[in-house]
Amino acid sequence: MEWPATLAPDDEPLGDPPPSPPPSNKPPVIRNFTHTAVGTVVTFTGRVEDENPGGLTVRLGGPAAMDNKAVTTDAAGYFTLTVNMGGQTGEVWARTTDREGLESASVYTNVY
């Protein structure tokens, strides 16, 4: 048998290469979660890393002043939330869920 001088993609002797696996979704990760305080007003900031970080809801909780607090990420995954904590202190947590339903681990910062 004589091989053609140039092989077309479908004429490879061993067949087509295997297809690439579909991209896998990974849980989102919250990075650089921190806060700054001026008096009783506390500003929380951070960034969500995900395949699609924009428009995700980051939920925050901890002391009573943080009940039902949430913020939406910008297109790059950054978020900022300012809360008057009325002098309350303690551990504040943040977490998010991506569009495919995977939840991040909780991250924490201590407000003194």
PDB file of N, CA and C in Angstrom:
ATOM      1  N   MET A   1       0.837  -1.160   0.000  1.00  0.00           N
ATOM      2  CA  MET A   1       0.000   0.000   0.000  1.00  0.00           C
ATOM      3  C   MET A   1       0.887   1.230   0.000  1.00  0.00           C
ATOM      4  N   GLU A   2       0.496   2.200  -0.772  1.00  0.00           N
ATOM      5  CA  GLU A   2       1.273   3.431  -0.857  1.00  0.00           C
ATOM      6  C   GLU A   2       0.502   4.545  -0.170  1.00  0.00           C
ATOM      7  N   TRP A   3       1.162   5.270   0.731  1.00  0.00           N
ATOM      8  CA  TRP A   3       0.547   6.372   1.455  1.00  0.00           C
ATOM      9  C   TRP A   3       0.555   7.620   0.600  1.00  0.00           C
ATOM     10  N   PRO A   4      -0.498   8.446   0.690  1.00  0.00           N
ATOM     11  CA  PRO A   4      -0.490   9.703  -0.048  1.00  0.00           C
ATOM     12  C   PRO A   4       0.617  10.606   0.498  1.00  0.00           C
ATOM     13  N   ALA A   5       1.103  11.504  -0.318  1.00  0.00           N
ATOM     14  CA  ALA A   5       2.196  12.398   0.073  1.00  0.00           C
ATOM     15  C   ALA A   5       1.784  13.288   1.247  1.00  0.00           C
ATOM     16  N   THR A   6       0.558  13.746   1.255  1.00  0.00           N
ATOM     17  CA  THR A   6       0.069  14.616   2.329  1.00  0.00           C
ATOM     18  C   THR A   6      -1.208  14.009   2.895  1.00  0.00           C
ATOM     19  N   LEU A   7      -1.246  13.898   4.215  1.00  0.00           N
ATOM     20  CA  LEU A   7      -2.425  13.344   4.852  1.00  0.00           C
ATOM     21  C   LEU A   7      -3.382  14.463   5.236  1.00  0.00           C
ATOM     22  N   ALA A   8      -4.626  14.294   4.924  1.00  0.00           N
ATOM     23  CA  ALA A   8      -5.663  15.207   5.393  1.00  0.00           C
ATOM     24  C   ALA A   8      -5.979  14.819   6.834  1.00  0.00           C
ATOM     25  N   PRO A   9      -6.571  15.719   7.624  1.00  0.00           N
ATOM     26  CA  PRO A   9      -6.840  15.385   9.032  1.00  0.00           C
ATOM     27  C   PRO A   9      -7.594  14.078   9.221  1.00  0.00           C
ATOM     28  N   ASP A  10      -8.532  13.757   8.351  1.00  0.00           N
ATOM     29  CA  ASP A  10      -9.302  12.520   8.515  1.00  0.00           C
ATOM     30  C   ASP A  10      -8.590  11.309   7.937  1.00  0.00           C
ATOM     31  N   ASP A  11      -7.426  11.519   7.307  1.00  0.00           N
ATOM     32  CA  ASP A  11      -6.704  10.416   6.694  1.00  0.00           C
ATOM     33  C   ASP A  11      -5.534   9.945   7.551  1.00  0.00           C
ATOM     34  N   GLU A  12      -5.477  10.358   8.821  1.00  0.00           N
ATOM     35  CA  GLU A  12      -4.364   9.956   9.670  1.00  0.00           C
ATOM     36  C   GLU A  12      -4.384   8.445   9.836  1.00  0.00           C
ATOM     37  N   PRO A  13      -3.200   7.820   9.769  1.00  0.00           N
ATOM     38  CA  PRO A  13      -3.152   6.360   9.862  1.00  0.00           C
ATOM     39  C   PRO A  13      -3.737   5.815  11.156  1.00  0.00           C
ATOM     40  N   LEU A  14      -3.652   6.549  12.258  1.00  0.00           N
ATOM     41  CA  LEU A  14      -4.145   6.041  13.532  1.00  0.00           C
ATOM     42  C   LEU A  14      -5.503   6.600  13.892  1.00  0.00           C
ATOM     43  N   GLY A  15      -6.161   7.292  12.978  1.00  0.00           N
ATOM     44  CA  GLY A  15      -7.475   7.864  13.254  1.00  0.00           C
ATOM     45  C   GLY A  15      -7.356   9.266  13.824  1.00  0.00           C
ATOM     46  N   ASP A  16      -8.490   9.862  14.051  1.00  0.00           N
ATOM     47  CA  ASP A  16      -8.517  11.220  14.590  1.00  0.00           C
ATOM     48  C   ASP A  16      -8.023  11.215  16.035  1.00  0.00           C
ATOM     49  N   PRO A  17      -7.409  12.325  16.459  1.00  0.00           N
ATOM     50  CA  PRO A  17      -7.024  12.397  17.870  1.00  0.00           C
ATOM     51  C   PRO A  17      -8.274  12.444  18.738  1.00  0.00           C
ATOM     52  N   PRO A  18      -8.143  12.007  19.980  1.00  0.00           N
ATOM     53  CA  PRO A  18      -9.325  12.021  20.844  1.00  0.00           C
ATOM     54  C   PRO A  18      -9.793  13.455  21.076  1.00  0.00           C
ATOM     55  N   PRO A  19     -11.099  13.642  21.235  1.00  0.00           N
ATOM     56  CA  PRO A  19     -11.603  14.992  21.479  1.00  0.00           C
ATOM     57  C   PRO A  19     -11.127  15.495  22.841  1.00  0.00           C
ATOM     58  N   SER A  20     -10.999  16.804  22.962  1.00  0.00           N
ATOM     59  CA  SER A  20     -10.625  17.397  24.244  1.00  0.00           C
ATOM     60  C   SER A  20     -11.766  17.201  25.231  1.00  0.00           C
ATOM     61  N   PRO A  21     -11.416  16.955  26.486  1.00  0.00           N
ATOM     62  CA  PRO A  21     -12.496  16.805  27.472  1.00  0.00           C
ATOM     63  C   PRO A  21     -13.210  18.141  27.665  1.00  0.00           C
ATOM     64  N   PRO A  22     -14.476  18.109  28.023  1.00  0.00           N
ATOM     65  CA  PRO A  22     -15.183  19.370  28.252  1.00  0.00           C
ATOM     66  C   PRO A  22     -14.552  20.091  29.435  1.00  0.00           C
ATOM     67  N   PRO A  23     -14.590  21.433  29.421  1.00  0.00           N
ATOM     68  CA  PRO A  23     -14.012  22.145  30.563  1.00  0.00           C
ATOM     69  C   PRO A  23     -14.776  21.785  31.833  1.00  0.00           C
ATOM     70  N   SER A  24     -14.025  21.587  32.899  1.00  0.00           N
ATOM     71  CA  SER A  24     -14.696  21.193  34.139  1.00  0.00           C
ATOM     72  C   SER A  24     -14.968  22.423  34.992  1.00  0.00           C
ATOM     73  N   ASN A  25     -16.109  22.415  35.618  1.00  0.00           N
ATOM     74  CA  ASN A  25     -16.478  23.497  36.516  1.00  0.00           C
ATOM     75  C   ASN A  25     -15.845  23.215  37.873  1.00  0.00           C
ATOM     76  N   LYS A  26     -15.226  24.232  38.429  1.00  0.00           N
ATOM     77  CA  LYS A  26     -14.639  24.117  39.752  1.00  0.00           C
ATOM     78  C   LYS A  26     -15.395  25.048  40.690  1.00  0.00           C
ATOM     79  N   PRO A  27     -15.430  24.719  41.973  1.00  0.00           N
ATOM     80  CA  PRO A  27     -16.124  25.602  42.913  1.00  0.00           C
ATOM     81  C   PRO A  27     -15.463  26.981  42.931  1.00  0.00           C
ATOM     82  N   PRO A  28     -16.246  28.011  43.174  1.00  0.00           N
ATOM     83  CA  PRO A  28     -15.655  29.343  43.280  1.00  0.00           C
ATOM     84  C   PRO A  28     -14.786  29.428  44.537  1.00  0.00           C
ATOM     85  N   VAL A  29     -13.837  30.361  44.510  1.00  0.00           N
ATOM     86  CA  VAL A  29     -12.943  30.595  45.647  1.00  0.00           C
ATOM     87  C   VAL A  29     -12.963  32.087  45.948  1.00  0.00           C
ATOM     88  N   ILE A  30     -13.144  32.434  47.210  1.00  0.00           N
ATOM     89  CA  ILE A  30     -13.088  33.835  47.617  1.00  0.00           C
ATOM     90  C   ILE A  30     -11.671  34.124  48.089  1.00  0.00           C
ATOM     91  N   ARG A  31     -11.052  35.133  47.475  1.00  0.00           N
ATOM     92  CA  ARG A  31      -9.681  35.531  47.803  1.00  0.00           C
ATOM     93  C   ARG A  31      -9.677  36.912  48.445  1.00  0.00           C
ATOM     94  N   ASN A  32      -8.659  37.169  49.241  1.00  0.00           N
ATOM     95  CA  ASN A  32      -8.390  38.495  49.810  1.00  0.00           C
ATOM     96  C   ASN A  32      -9.582  39.073  50.567  1.00  0.00           C
ATOM     97  N   PHE A  33     -10.308  38.229  51.287  1.00  0.00           N
ATOM     98  CA  PHE A  33     -11.440  38.720  52.082  1.00  0.00           C
ATOM     99  C   PHE A  33     -10.889  39.441  53.303  1.00  0.00           C
ATOM    100  N   THR A  34     -11.201  40.710  53.414  1.00  0.00           N
ATOM    101  CA  THR A  34     -10.687  41.532  54.504  1.00  0.00           C
ATOM    102  C   THR A  34     -11.676  42.635  54.820  1.00  0.00           C
ATOM    103  N   HIS A  35     -11.343  43.446  55.803  1.00  0.00           N
ATOM    104  CA  HIS A  35     -12.216  44.555  56.168  1.00  0.00           C
ATOM    105  C   HIS A  35     -11.385  45.737  56.660  1.00  0.00           C
ATOM    106  N   THR A  36     -11.997  46.907  56.601  1.00  0.00           N
ATOM    107  CA  THR A  36     -11.449  48.110  57.232  1.00  0.00           C
ATOM    108  C   THR A  36     -12.582  48.722  58.038  1.00  0.00           C
ATOM    109  N   ALA A  37     -12.232  49.329  59.170  1.00  0.00           N
ATOM    110  CA  ALA A  37     -13.247  49.918  60.038  1.00  0.00           C
ATOM    111  C   ALA A  37     -12.906  51.373  60.314  1.00  0.00           C
ATOM    112  N   VAL A  38     -13.932  52.204  60.264  1.00  0.00           N
ATOM    113  CA  VAL A  38     -13.848  53.599  60.677  1.00  0.00           C
ATOM    114  C   VAL A  38     -15.002  53.803  61.652  1.00  0.00           C
ATOM    115  N   GLY A  39     -14.681  53.861  62.928  1.00  0.00           N
ATOM    116  CA  GLY A  39     -15.728  53.905  63.934  1.00  0.00           C
ATOM    117  C   GLY A  39     -16.513  52.608  63.896  1.00  0.00           C
ATOM    118  N   THR A  40     -17.829  52.710  63.781  1.00  0.00           N
ATOM    119  CA  THR A  40     -18.678  51.509  63.742  1.00  0.00           C
ATOM    120  C   THR A  40     -18.983  51.057  62.313  1.00  0.00           C
ATOM    121  N   VAL A  41     -18.483  51.807  61.316  1.00  0.00           N
ATOM    122  CA  VAL A  41     -18.735  51.472  59.914  1.00  0.00           C
ATOM    123  C   VAL A  41     -17.599  50.586  59.409  1.00  0.00           C
ATOM    124  N   VAL A  42     -17.964  49.404  58.905  1.00  0.00           N
ATOM    125  CA  VAL A  42     -16.984  48.418  58.453  1.00  0.00           C
ATOM    126  C   VAL A  42     -17.215  48.138  56.970  1.00  0.00           C
ATOM    127  N   THR A  43     -16.135  48.161  56.200  1.00  0.00           N
ATOM    128  CA  THR A  43     -16.207  47.866  54.768  1.00  0.00           C
ATOM    129  C   THR A  43     -15.487  46.547  54.512  1.00  0.00           C
ATOM    130  N   PHE A  44     -16.210  45.601  53.924  1.00  0.00           N
ATOM    131  CA  PHE A  44     -15.678  44.280  53.592  1.00  0.00           C
ATOM    132  C   PHE A  44     -15.370  44.237  52.096  1.00  0.00           C
ATOM    133  N   THR A  45     -14.235  43.662  51.746  1.00  0.00           N
ATOM    134  CA  THR A  45     -13.858  43.549  50.340  1.00  0.00           C
ATOM    135  C   THR A  45     -13.288  42.161  50.074  1.00  0.00           C
ATOM    136  N   GLY A  46     -13.301  41.773  48.817  1.00  0.00           N
ATOM    137  CA  GLY A  46     -12.720  40.501  48.406  1.00  0.00           C
ATOM    138  C   GLY A  46     -12.922  40.301  46.918  1.00  0.00           C
ATOM    139  N   ARG A  47     -12.508  39.140  46.448  1.00  0.00           N
ATOM    140  CA  ARG A  47     -12.655  38.814  45.026  1.00  0.00           C
ATOM    141  C   ARG A  47     -12.984  37.339  44.882  1.00  0.00           C
ATOM    142  N   VAL A  48     -13.965  37.046  44.025  1.00  0.00           N
ATOM    143  CA  VAL A  48     -14.353  35.665  43.743  1.00  0.00           C
ATOM    144  C   VAL A  48     -13.622  35.205  42.482  1.00  0.00           C
ATOM    145  N   GLU A  49     -12.937  34.086  42.592  1.00  0.00           N
ATOM    146  CA  GLU A  49     -12.333  33.447  41.422  1.00  0.00           C
ATOM    147  C   GLU A  49     -13.263  32.334  40.969  1.00  0.00           C
ATOM    148  N   ASP A  50     -13.642  32.375  39.695  1.00  0.00           N
ATOM    149  CA  ASP A  50     -14.534  31.361  39.136  1.00  0.00           C
ATOM    150  C   ASP A  50     -14.436  31.464  37.619  1.00  0.00           C
ATOM    151  N   GLU A  51     -14.946  30.466  36.912  1.00  0.00           N
ATOM    152  CA  GLU A  51     -14.967  30.516  35.455  1.00  0.00           C
ATOM    153  C   GLU A  51     -15.777  31.710  34.963  1.00  0.00           C
ATOM    154  N   ASN A  52     -16.795  32.096  35.722  1.00  0.00           N
ATOM    155  CA  ASN A  52     -17.691  33.225  35.428  1.00  0.00           C
ATOM    156  C   ASN A  52     -17.913  34.010  36.717  1.00  0.00           C
ATOM    157  N   PRO A  53     -16.983  34.875  37.143  1.00  0.00           N
ATOM    158  CA  PRO A  53     -17.100  35.494  38.459  1.00  0.00           C
ATOM    159  C   PRO A  53     -18.072  36.672  38.555  1.00  0.00           C
ATOM    160  N   GLY A  54     -18.466  37.246  37.440  1.00  0.00           N
ATOM    161  CA  GLY A  54     -19.336  38.418  37.478  1.00  0.00           C
ATOM    162  C   GLY A  54     -20.772  38.077  37.820  1.00  0.00           C
ATOM    163  N   GLY A  55     -21.409  38.928  38.627  1.00  0.00           N
ATOM    164  CA  GLY A  55     -22.820  38.771  38.939  1.00  0.00           C
ATOM    165  C   GLY A  55     -23.144  37.701  39.957  1.00  0.00           C
ATOM    166  N   LEU A  56     -22.133  37.187  40.678  1.00  0.00           N
ATOM    167  CA  LEU A  56     -22.412  36.187  41.715  1.00  0.00           C
ATOM    168  C   LEU A  56     -22.782  36.891  43.018  1.00  0.00           C
ATOM    169  N   THR A  57     -23.624  36.262  43.799  1.00  0.00           N
ATOM    170  CA  THR A  57     -24.023  36.812  45.089  1.00  0.00           C
ATOM    171  C   THR A  57     -23.108  36.254  46.173  1.00  0.00           C
ATOM    172  N   VAL A  58     -22.465  37.154  46.905  1.00  0.00           N
ATOM    173  CA  VAL A  58     -21.648  36.770  48.059  1.00  0.00           C
ATOM    174  C   VAL A  58     -22.488  37.045  49.293  1.00  0.00           C
ATOM    175  N   ARG A  59     -22.714  36.017  50.103  1.00  0.00           N
ATOM    176  CA  ARG A  59     -23.473  36.143  51.337  1.00  0.00           C
ATOM    177  C   ARG A  59     -22.498  36.304  52.497  1.00  0.00           C
ATOM    178  N   LEU A  60     -22.829  37.185  53.438  1.00  0.00           N
ATOM    179  CA  LEU A  60     -21.991  37.415  54.607  1.00  0.00           C
ATOM    180  C   LEU A  60     -22.810  37.202  55.861  1.00  0.00           C
ATOM    181  N   GLY A  61     -22.162  36.811  56.934  1.00  0.00           N
ATOM    182  CA  GLY A  61     -22.851  36.595  58.187  1.00  0.00           C
ATOM    183  C   GLY A  61     -21.891  36.636  59.351  1.00  0.00           C
ATOM    184  N   GLY A  62     -22.417  36.450  60.527  1.00  0.00           N
ATOM    185  CA  GLY A  62     -21.617  36.481  61.748  1.00  0.00           C
ATOM    186  C   GLY A  62     -22.402  37.180  62.832  1.00  0.00           C
ATOM    187  N   PRO A  63     -21.870  38.292  63.390  1.00  0.00           N
ATOM    188  CA  PRO A  63     -22.618  39.042  64.397  1.00  0.00           C
ATOM    189  C   PRO A  63     -23.978  39.478  63.847  1.00  0.00           C
ATOM    190  N   ALA A  64     -24.912  39.796  64.749  1.00  0.00           N
ATOM    191  CA  ALA A  64     -26.287  40.134  64.351  1.00  0.00           C
ATOM    192  C   ALA A  64     -26.350  41.236  63.299  1.00  0.00           C
ATOM    193  N   ALA A  65     -25.425  42.187  63.329  1.00  0.00           N
ATOM    194  CA  ALA A  65     -25.432  43.275  62.341  1.00  0.00           C
ATOM    195  C   ALA A  65     -25.209  42.759  60.924  1.00  0.00           C
ATOM    196  N   MET A  66     -24.740  41.530  60.791  1.00  0.00           N
ATOM    197  CA  MET A  66     -24.453  40.947  59.475  1.00  0.00           C
ATOM    198  C   MET A  66     -25.574  40.037  58.979  1.00  0.00           C
ATOM    199  N   ASP A  67     -26.666  39.924  59.724  1.00  0.00           N
ATOM    200  CA  ASP A  67     -27.782  39.074  59.295  1.00  0.00           C
ATOM    201  C   ASP A  67     -28.313  39.517  57.930  1.00  0.00           C
ATOM    202  N   ASN A  68     -28.499  38.551  57.050  1.00  0.00           N
ATOM    203  CA  ASN A  68     -29.085  38.774  55.720  1.00  0.00           C
ATOM    204  C   ASN A  68     -28.312  39.781  54.867  1.00  0.00           C
ATOM    205  N   LYS A  69     -27.007  39.825  55.005  1.00  0.00           N
ATOM    206  CA  LYS A  69     -26.192  40.727  54.184  1.00  0.00           C
ATOM    207  C   LYS A  69     -25.691  39.966  52.962  1.00  0.00           C
ATOM    208  N   ALA A  70     -25.729  40.647  51.815  1.00  0.00           N
ATOM    209  CA  ALA A  70     -25.244  40.051  50.573  1.00  0.00           C
ATOM    210  C   ALA A  70     -24.812  41.170  49.640  1.00  0.00           C
ATOM    211  N   VAL A  71     -23.940  40.833  48.717  1.00  0.00           N
ATOM    212  CA  VAL A  71     -23.438  41.788  47.734  1.00  0.00           C
ATOM    213  C   VAL A  71     -23.197  41.014  46.437  1.00  0.00           C
ATOM    214  N   THR A  72     -23.298  41.705  45.312  1.00  0.00           N
ATOM    215  CA  THR A  72     -23.077  41.088  44.001  1.00  0.00           C
ATOM    216  C   THR A  72     -21.695  41.467  43.480  1.00  0.00           C
ATOM    217  N   THR A  73     -21.001  40.507  42.895  1.00  0.00           N
ATOM    218  CA  THR A  73     -19.668  40.766  42.352  1.00  0.00           C
ATOM    219  C   THR A  73     -19.752  41.563  41.056  1.00  0.00           C
ATOM    220  N   ASP A  74     -18.678  42.335  40.776  1.00  0.00           N
ATOM    221  CA  ASP A  74     -18.605  43.026  39.489  1.00  0.00           C
ATOM    222  C   ASP A  74     -18.125  42.030  38.428  1.00  0.00           C
ATOM    223  N   ALA A  75     -17.912  42.481  37.217  1.00  0.00           N
ATOM    224  CA  ALA A  75     -17.563  41.591  36.101  1.00  0.00           C
ATOM    225  C   ALA A  75     -16.273  40.810  36.357  1.00  0.00           C
ATOM    226  N   ALA A  76     -15.353  41.380  37.131  1.00  0.00           N
ATOM    227  CA  ALA A  76     -14.085  40.715  37.418  1.00  0.00           C
ATOM    228  C   ALA A  76     -14.126  39.896  38.709  1.00  0.00           C
ATOM    229  N   GLY A  77     -15.257  39.894  39.403  1.00  0.00           N
ATOM    230  CA  GLY A  77     -15.394  39.109  40.618  1.00  0.00           C
ATOM    231  C   GLY A  77     -15.159  39.866  41.910  1.00  0.00           C
ATOM    232  N   TYR A  78     -14.872  41.173  41.842  1.00  0.00           N
ATOM    233  CA  TYR A  78     -14.631  41.964  43.052  1.00  0.00           C
ATOM    234  C   TYR A  78     -15.951  42.347  43.724  1.00  0.00           C
ATOM    235  N   PHE A  79     -15.895  42.469  45.046  1.00  0.00           N
ATOM    236  CA  PHE A  79     -17.077  42.922  45.785  1.00  0.00           C
ATOM    237  C   PHE A  79     -16.654  43.812  46.948  1.00  0.00           C
ATOM    238  N   THR A  80     -17.567  44.719  47.317  1.00  0.00           N
ATOM    239  CA  THR A  80     -17.390  45.623  48.457  1.00  0.00           C
ATOM    240  C   THR A  80     -18.742  45.790  49.130  1.00  0.00           C
ATOM    241  N   LEU A  81     -18.762  45.676  50.439  1.00  0.00           N
ATOM    242  CA  LEU A  81     -19.983  45.877  51.199  1.00  0.00           C
ATOM    243  C   LEU A  81     -19.644  46.695  52.439  1.00  0.00           C
ATOM    244  N   THR A  82     -20.371  47.786  52.656  1.00  0.00           N
ATOM    245  CA  THR A  82     -20.171  48.632  53.827  1.00  0.00           C
ATOM    246  C   THR A  82     -21.378  48.487  54.747  1.00  0.00           C
ATOM    247  N   VAL A  83     -21.099  48.231  56.041  1.00  0.00           N
ATOM    248  CA  VAL A  83     -22.144  47.977  57.027  1.00  0.00           C
ATOM    249  C   VAL A  83     -21.839  48.776  58.294  1.00  0.00           C
ATOM    250  N   ASN A  84     -22.855  49.405  58.862  1.00  0.00           N
ATOM    251  CA  ASN A  84     -22.706  50.004  60.184  1.00  0.00           C
ATOM    252  C   ASN A  84     -22.993  48.890  61.187  1.00  0.00           C
ATOM    253  N   MET A  85     -21.940  48.407  61.832  1.00  0.00           N
ATOM    254  CA  MET A  85     -22.088  47.277  62.749  1.00  0.00           C
ATOM    255  C   MET A  85     -22.453  47.730  64.161  1.00  0.00           C
ATOM    256  N   GLY A  86     -22.613  49.037  64.378  1.00  0.00           N
ATOM    257  CA  GLY A  86     -23.073  49.522  65.675  1.00  0.00           C
ATOM    258  C   GLY A  86     -22.193  49.107  66.837  1.00  0.00           C
ATOM    259  N   GLY A  87     -20.914  48.902  66.589  1.00  0.00           N
ATOM    260  CA  GLY A  87     -19.992  48.510  67.652  1.00  0.00           C
ATOM    261  C   GLY A  87     -19.892  47.013  67.871  1.00  0.00           C
ATOM    262  N   GLN A  88     -20.675  46.213  67.150  1.00  0.00           N
ATOM    263  CA  GLN A  88     -20.582  44.751  67.295  1.00  0.00           C
ATOM    264  C   GLN A  88     -19.241  44.270  66.761  1.00  0.00           C
ATOM    265  N   THR A  89     -18.717  43.242  67.382  1.00  0.00           N
ATOM    266  CA  THR A  89     -17.452  42.647  66.940  1.00  0.00           C
ATOM    267  C   THR A  89     -17.638  41.149  66.795  1.00  0.00           C
ATOM    268  N   GLY A  90     -16.668  40.514  66.175  1.00  0.00           N
ATOM    269  CA  GLY A  90     -16.694  39.068  66.042  1.00  0.00           C
ATOM    270  C   GLY A  90     -16.260  38.619  64.666  1.00  0.00           C
ATOM    271  N   GLU A  91     -16.375  37.324  64.469  1.00  0.00           N
ATOM    272  CA  GLU A  91     -15.953  36.715  63.211  1.00  0.00           C
ATOM    273  C   GLU A  91     -17.042  36.889  62.156  1.00  0.00           C
ATOM    274  N   VAL A  92     -16.669  37.440  61.004  1.00  0.00           N
ATOM    275  CA  VAL A  92     -17.587  37.606  59.876  1.00  0.00           C
ATOM    276  C   VAL A  92     -17.162  36.621  58.795  1.00  0.00           C
ATOM    277  N   TRP A  93     -18.121  35.913  58.224  1.00  0.00           N
ATOM    278  CA  TRP A  93     -17.833  34.945  57.167  1.00  0.00           C
ATOM    279  C   TRP A  93     -18.437  35.413  55.844  1.00  0.00           C
ATOM    280  N   ALA A  94     -17.890  34.872  54.764  1.00  0.00           N
ATOM    281  CA  ALA A  94     -18.434  35.117  53.424  1.00  0.00           C
ATOM    282  C   ALA A  94     -18.353  33.819  52.633  1.00  0.00           C
ATOM    283  N   ARG A  95     -19.348  33.615  51.755  1.00  0.00           N
ATOM    284  CA  ARG A  95     -19.334  32.457  50.838  1.00  0.00           C
ATOM    285  C   ARG A  95     -20.235  32.780  49.656  1.00  0.00           C
ATOM    286  N   THR A  96     -20.056  32.029  48.581  1.00  0.00           N
ATOM    287  CA  THR A  96     -20.843  32.242  47.376  1.00  0.00           C
ATOM    288  C   THR A  96     -21.116  30.914  46.699  1.00  0.00           C
ATOM    289  N   THR A  97     -22.049  30.931  45.762  1.00  0.00           N
ATOM    290  CA  THR A  97     -22.386  29.761  44.956  1.00  0.00           C
ATOM    291  C   THR A  97     -22.327  30.183  43.495  1.00  0.00           C
ATOM    292  N   ASP A  98     -21.690  29.353  42.650  1.00  0.00           N
ATOM    293  CA  ASP A  98     -21.610  29.727  41.228  1.00  0.00           C
ATOM    294  C   ASP A  98     -22.880  29.320  40.482  1.00  0.00           C
ATOM    295  N   ARG A  99     -22.931  29.639  39.202  1.00  0.00           N
ATOM    296  CA  ARG A  99     -24.131  29.392  38.394  1.00  0.00           C
ATOM    297  C   ARG A  99     -24.454  27.911  38.228  1.00  0.00           C
ATOM    298  N   GLU A 100     -23.456  27.052  38.434  1.00  0.00           N
ATOM    299  CA  GLU A 100     -23.686  25.611  38.307  1.00  0.00           C
ATOM    300  C   GLU A 100     -24.032  24.980  39.654  1.00  0.00           C
ATOM    301  N   GLY A 101     -24.155  25.808  40.695  1.00  0.00           N
ATOM    302  CA  GLY A 101     -24.573  25.313  42.000  1.00  0.00           C
ATOM    303  C   GLY A 101     -23.451  24.877  42.924  1.00  0.00           C
ATOM    304  N   LEU A 102     -22.189  25.099  42.532  1.00  0.00           N
ATOM    305  CA  LEU A 102     -21.082  24.734  43.410  1.00  0.00           C
ATOM    306  C   LEU A 102     -20.823  25.860  44.398  1.00  0.00           C
ATOM    307  N   GLU A 103     -20.661  25.507  45.669  1.00  0.00           N
ATOM    308  CA  GLU A 103     -20.482  26.509  46.717  1.00  0.00           C
ATOM    309  C   GLU A 103     -19.014  26.624  47.103  1.00  0.00           C
ATOM    310  N   SER A 104     -18.607  27.856  47.390  1.00  0.00           N
ATOM    311  CA  SER A 104     -17.239  28.095  47.856  1.00  0.00           C
ATOM    312  C   SER A 104     -17.110  27.654  49.307  1.00  0.00           C
ATOM    313  N   ALA A 105     -15.874  27.518  49.735  1.00  0.00           N
ATOM    314  CA  ALA A 105     -15.612  27.369  51.160  1.00  0.00           C
ATOM    315  C   ALA A 105     -15.859  28.723  51.808  1.00  0.00           C
ATOM    316  N   SER A 106     -16.204  28.730  53.069  1.00  0.00           N
ATOM    317  CA  SER A 106     -16.369  29.983  53.791  1.00  0.00           C
ATOM    318  C   SER A 106     -14.997  30.565  54.104  1.00  0.00           C
ATOM    319  N   VAL A 107     -14.923  31.909  54.036  1.00  0.00           N
ATOM    320  CA  VAL A 107     -13.717  32.630  54.434  1.00  0.00           C
ATOM    321  C   VAL A 107     -14.109  33.542  55.594  1.00  0.00           C
ATOM    322  N   TYR A 108     -13.128  33.934  56.402  1.00  0.00           N
ATOM    323  CA  TYR A 108     -13.430  34.655  57.634  1.00  0.00           C
ATOM    324  C   TYR A 108     -12.517  35.857  57.831  1.00  0.00           C
ATOM    325  N   THR A 109     -13.033  36.858  58.522  1.00  0.00           N
ATOM    326  CA  THR A 109     -12.238  37.977  59.003  1.00  0.00           C
ATOM    327  C   THR A 109     -12.789  38.355  60.361  1.00  0.00           C
ATOM    328  N   ASN A 110     -11.934  38.750  61.277  1.00  0.00           N
ATOM    329  CA  ASN A 110     -12.351  39.111  62.638  1.00  0.00           C
ATOM    330  C   ASN A 110     -12.451  40.617  62.766  1.00  0.00           C
ATOM    331  N   VAL A 111     -13.620  41.102  63.131  1.00  0.00           N
ATOM    332  CA  VAL A 111     -13.847  42.529  63.358  1.00  0.00           C
ATOM    333  C   VAL A 111     -13.707  42.765  64.857  1.00  0.00           C
ATOM    334  N   TYR A 112     -12.806  43.658  65.248  1.00  0.00           N
ATOM    335  CA  TYR A 112     -12.557  43.960  66.677  1.00  0.00           C
ATOM    336  C   TYR A 112     -13.188  45.274  67.047  1.00  0.00           C
TER     337      TYR A 112
END
